[in-house]
Amino acid sequence: MVSEGLDGRQSQSLEKLVKDQTEEIKQMRLEIESLRQATSTIAAENSQDSAIEMPAEEHAEVPADWFTEPYGAAELRWWDGESWTNYVKSEQGPEVLSD
């Protein structure tokens, strides 16, 4: 036990502090998980727009290649020369987002 060697008041104070900090950590973890879920939801909603084509004048000279991901779902997204695809890539490697 953390409070061994302390007098009663010190022990109670320390235990209350540990309890309070433990509760704060639990709340922070809940907030982090909530933010992760919100971020995933936003990224998924944005990736559903991946079939949107750029106007012809904007991509006429742009060849197929990996480009910075315009929707925030990954680091890179494959441009097939005409439209954004569902192929995305990060440091871990390529993956395909569901439609």
C-alpha atoms as a PDB file:
ATOM      1  CA  MET A   1       0.000   0.000   0.000  1.00  0.00           C
ATOM      2  CA  VAL A   2       1.244   3.504  -0.860  1.00  0.00           C
ATOM      3  CA  SER A   3       0.435   4.920   2.550  1.00  0.00           C
ATOM      4  CA  GLU A   4       2.658   2.626   4.658  1.00  0.00           C
ATOM      5  CA  GLY A   5       4.851   4.629   7.051  1.00  0.00           C
ATOM      6  CA  LEU A   6       2.594   7.704   6.935  1.00  0.00           C
ATOM      7  CA  ASP A   7       0.375   8.964   9.734  1.00  0.00           C
ATOM      8  CA  GLY A   8      -3.394   8.676   9.364  1.00  0.00           C
ATOM      9  CA  ARG A   9      -3.968  12.163   7.958  1.00  0.00           C
ATOM     10  CA  GLN A  10      -1.157  11.896   5.434  1.00  0.00           C
ATOM     11  CA  SER A  11      -2.353   8.458   4.395  1.00  0.00           C
ATOM     12  CA  GLN A  12      -5.924   9.676   3.842  1.00  0.00           C
ATOM     13  CA  SER A  13      -4.662  12.710   1.920  1.00  0.00           C
ATOM     14  CA  LEU A  14      -2.469  10.584  -0.318  1.00  0.00           C
ATOM     15  CA  GLU A  15      -5.204   8.034  -0.956  1.00  0.00           C
ATOM     16  CA  LYS A  16      -7.676  10.809  -1.858  1.00  0.00           C
ATOM     17  CA  LEU A  17      -5.122  12.330  -4.236  1.00  0.00           C
ATOM     18  CA  VAL A  18      -4.522   8.962  -5.925  1.00  0.00           C
ATOM     19  CA  LYS A  19      -8.280   8.358  -6.169  1.00  0.00           C
ATOM     20  CA  ASP A  20      -8.874  11.824  -7.672  1.00  0.00           C
ATOM     21  CA  GLN A  21      -6.077  11.413 -10.199  1.00  0.00           C
ATOM     22  CA  THR A  22      -7.299   7.945 -11.142  1.00  0.00           C
ATOM     23  CA  GLU A  23     -10.746   9.395 -11.808  1.00  0.00           C
ATOM     24  CA  GLU A  24      -9.242  12.189 -13.912  1.00  0.00           C
ATOM     25  CA  ILE A  25      -7.317   9.632 -15.971  1.00  0.00           C
ATOM     26  CA  LYS A  26     -10.521   7.641 -16.543  1.00  0.00           C
ATOM     27  CA  GLN A  27     -12.273  10.805 -17.763  1.00  0.00           C
ATOM     28  CA  MET A  28      -9.371  11.661 -20.072  1.00  0.00           C
ATOM     29  CA  ARG A  29      -9.451   8.155 -21.545  1.00  0.00           C
ATOM     30  CA  LEU A  30     -13.177   8.516 -22.224  1.00  0.00           C
ATOM     31  CA  GLU A  31     -12.589  11.875 -23.908  1.00  0.00           C
ATOM     32  CA  ILE A  32      -9.758  10.449 -26.021  1.00  0.00           C
ATOM     33  CA  GLU A  33     -11.932   7.534 -27.144  1.00  0.00           C
ATOM     34  CA  SER A  34     -14.754   9.929 -27.987  1.00  0.00           C
ATOM     35  CA  LEU A  35     -12.371  12.057 -30.077  1.00  0.00           C
ATOM     36  CA  ARG A  36     -11.033   8.953 -31.845  1.00  0.00           C
ATOM     37  CA  GLN A  37     -14.548   7.878 -32.753  1.00  0.00           C
ATOM     38  CA  ALA A  38     -15.446  11.364 -33.987  1.00  0.00           C
ATOM     39  CA  THR A  39     -12.269  11.512 -36.083  1.00  0.00           C
ATOM     40  CA  SER A  40     -12.980   8.087 -37.588  1.00  0.00           C
ATOM     41  CA  THR A  41     -16.542   9.124 -38.399  1.00  0.00           C
ATOM     42  CA  ILE A  42     -15.412  12.334 -40.095  1.00  0.00           C
ATOM     43  CA  ALA A  43     -12.714  10.514 -42.077  1.00  0.00           C
ATOM     44  CA  ALA A  44     -15.216   7.849 -43.181  1.00  0.00           C
ATOM     45  CA  GLU A  45     -17.754  10.491 -44.246  1.00  0.00           C
ATOM     46  CA  ASN A  46     -15.087  12.361 -46.198  1.00  0.00           C
ATOM     47  CA  SER A  47     -13.778   9.206 -47.869  1.00  0.00           C
ATOM     48  CA  GLN A  48     -17.259   8.457 -49.216  1.00  0.00           C
ATOM     49  CA  ASP A  49     -16.805  11.510 -51.440  1.00  0.00           C
ATOM     50  CA  SER A  50     -13.733   9.910 -53.022  1.00  0.00           C
ATOM     51  CA  ALA A  51     -15.413   9.359 -56.396  1.00  0.00           C
ATOM     52  CA  ILE A  52     -15.889  13.106 -56.896  1.00  0.00           C
ATOM     53  CA  GLU A  53     -14.171  14.100 -60.095  1.00  0.00           C
ATOM     54  CA  MET A  54     -12.124  17.232 -60.472  1.00  0.00           C
ATOM     55  CA  PRO A  55     -13.218  19.518 -63.301  1.00  0.00           C
ATOM     56  CA  ALA A  56     -11.435  18.553 -66.542  1.00  0.00           C
ATOM     57  CA  GLU A  57      -9.401  21.752 -66.659  1.00  0.00           C
ATOM     58  CA  GLU A  58      -7.958  21.041 -63.205  1.00  0.00           C
ATOM     59  CA  HIS A  59      -6.691  17.528 -63.922  1.00  0.00           C
ATOM     60  CA  ALA A  60      -6.060  17.437 -67.645  1.00  0.00           C
ATOM     61  CA  GLU A  61      -2.295  17.414 -67.112  1.00  0.00           C
ATOM     62  CA  VAL A  62      -2.198  15.406 -63.872  1.00  0.00           C
ATOM     63  CA  PRO A  63      -1.074  11.793 -64.413  1.00  0.00           C
ATOM     64  CA  ALA A  64      -2.076   8.880 -62.193  1.00  0.00           C
ATOM     65  CA  ASP A  65      -0.024   8.862 -58.981  1.00  0.00           C
ATOM     66  CA  TRP A  66      -0.157   9.009 -55.178  1.00  0.00           C
ATOM     67  CA  PHE A  67      -1.034  12.487 -53.869  1.00  0.00           C
ATOM     68  CA  THR A  68      -1.649  14.081 -50.482  1.00  0.00           C
ATOM     69  CA  GLU A  69      -5.053  12.789 -49.402  1.00  0.00           C
ATOM     70  CA  PRO A  70      -7.611  15.616 -49.877  1.00  0.00           C
ATOM     71  CA  TYR A  71     -10.207  14.229 -47.445  1.00  0.00           C
ATOM     72  CA  GLY A  72      -8.046  13.606 -44.361  1.00  0.00           C
ATOM     73  CA  ALA A  73      -8.660   9.833 -44.213  1.00  0.00           C
ATOM     74  CA  ALA A  74      -5.017   8.895 -44.871  1.00  0.00           C
ATOM     75  CA  GLU A  75      -1.679  10.402 -45.801  1.00  0.00           C
ATOM     76  CA  LEU A  76      -1.891   9.629 -49.534  1.00  0.00           C
ATOM     77  CA  ARG A  77      -4.702   8.774 -51.991  1.00  0.00           C
ATOM     78  CA  TRP A  78      -4.345   7.323 -55.496  1.00  0.00           C
ATOM     79  CA  TRP A  79      -5.386   9.652 -58.335  1.00  0.00           C
ATOM     80  CA  ASP A  80      -6.101   7.475 -61.395  1.00  0.00           C
ATOM     81  CA  GLY A  81      -5.666  10.349 -63.828  1.00  0.00           C
ATOM     82  CA  GLU A  82      -9.376  11.178 -63.843  1.00  0.00           C
ATOM     83  CA  SER A  83     -10.743  10.829 -60.308  1.00  0.00           C
ATOM     84  CA  TRP A  84      -9.766   9.989 -56.739  1.00  0.00           C
ATOM     85  CA  THR A  85      -9.966   6.266 -55.975  1.00  0.00           C
ATOM     86  CA  ASN A  86     -10.600   4.376 -52.730  1.00  0.00           C
ATOM     87  CA  TYR A  87      -6.926   3.404 -52.569  1.00  0.00           C
ATOM     88  CA  VAL A  88      -5.124   5.156 -49.726  1.00  0.00           C
ATOM     89  CA  LYS A  89      -1.644   4.734 -48.329  1.00  0.00           C
ATOM     90  CA  SER A  90       0.076   5.600 -45.084  1.00  0.00           C
ATOM     91  CA  GLU A  91       3.435   4.794 -43.530  1.00  0.00           C
ATOM     92  CA  GLN A  92       2.167   1.233 -42.902  1.00  0.00           C
ATOM     93  CA  GLY A  93       1.369   0.587 -46.566  1.00  0.00           C
ATOM     94  CA  PRO A  94      -1.606   0.651 -48.979  1.00  0.00           C
ATOM     95  CA  GLU A  95      -5.167  -0.181 -48.045  1.00  0.00           C
ATOM     96  CA  VAL A  96      -8.596   0.144 -49.649  1.00  0.00           C
ATOM     97  CA  LEU A  97     -11.395   2.084 -47.992  1.00  0.00           C
ATOM     98  CA  SER A  98     -14.858   0.598 -48.270  1.00  0.00           C
ATOM     99  CA  ASP A  99     -17.404   2.324 -50.505  1.00  0.00           C
END
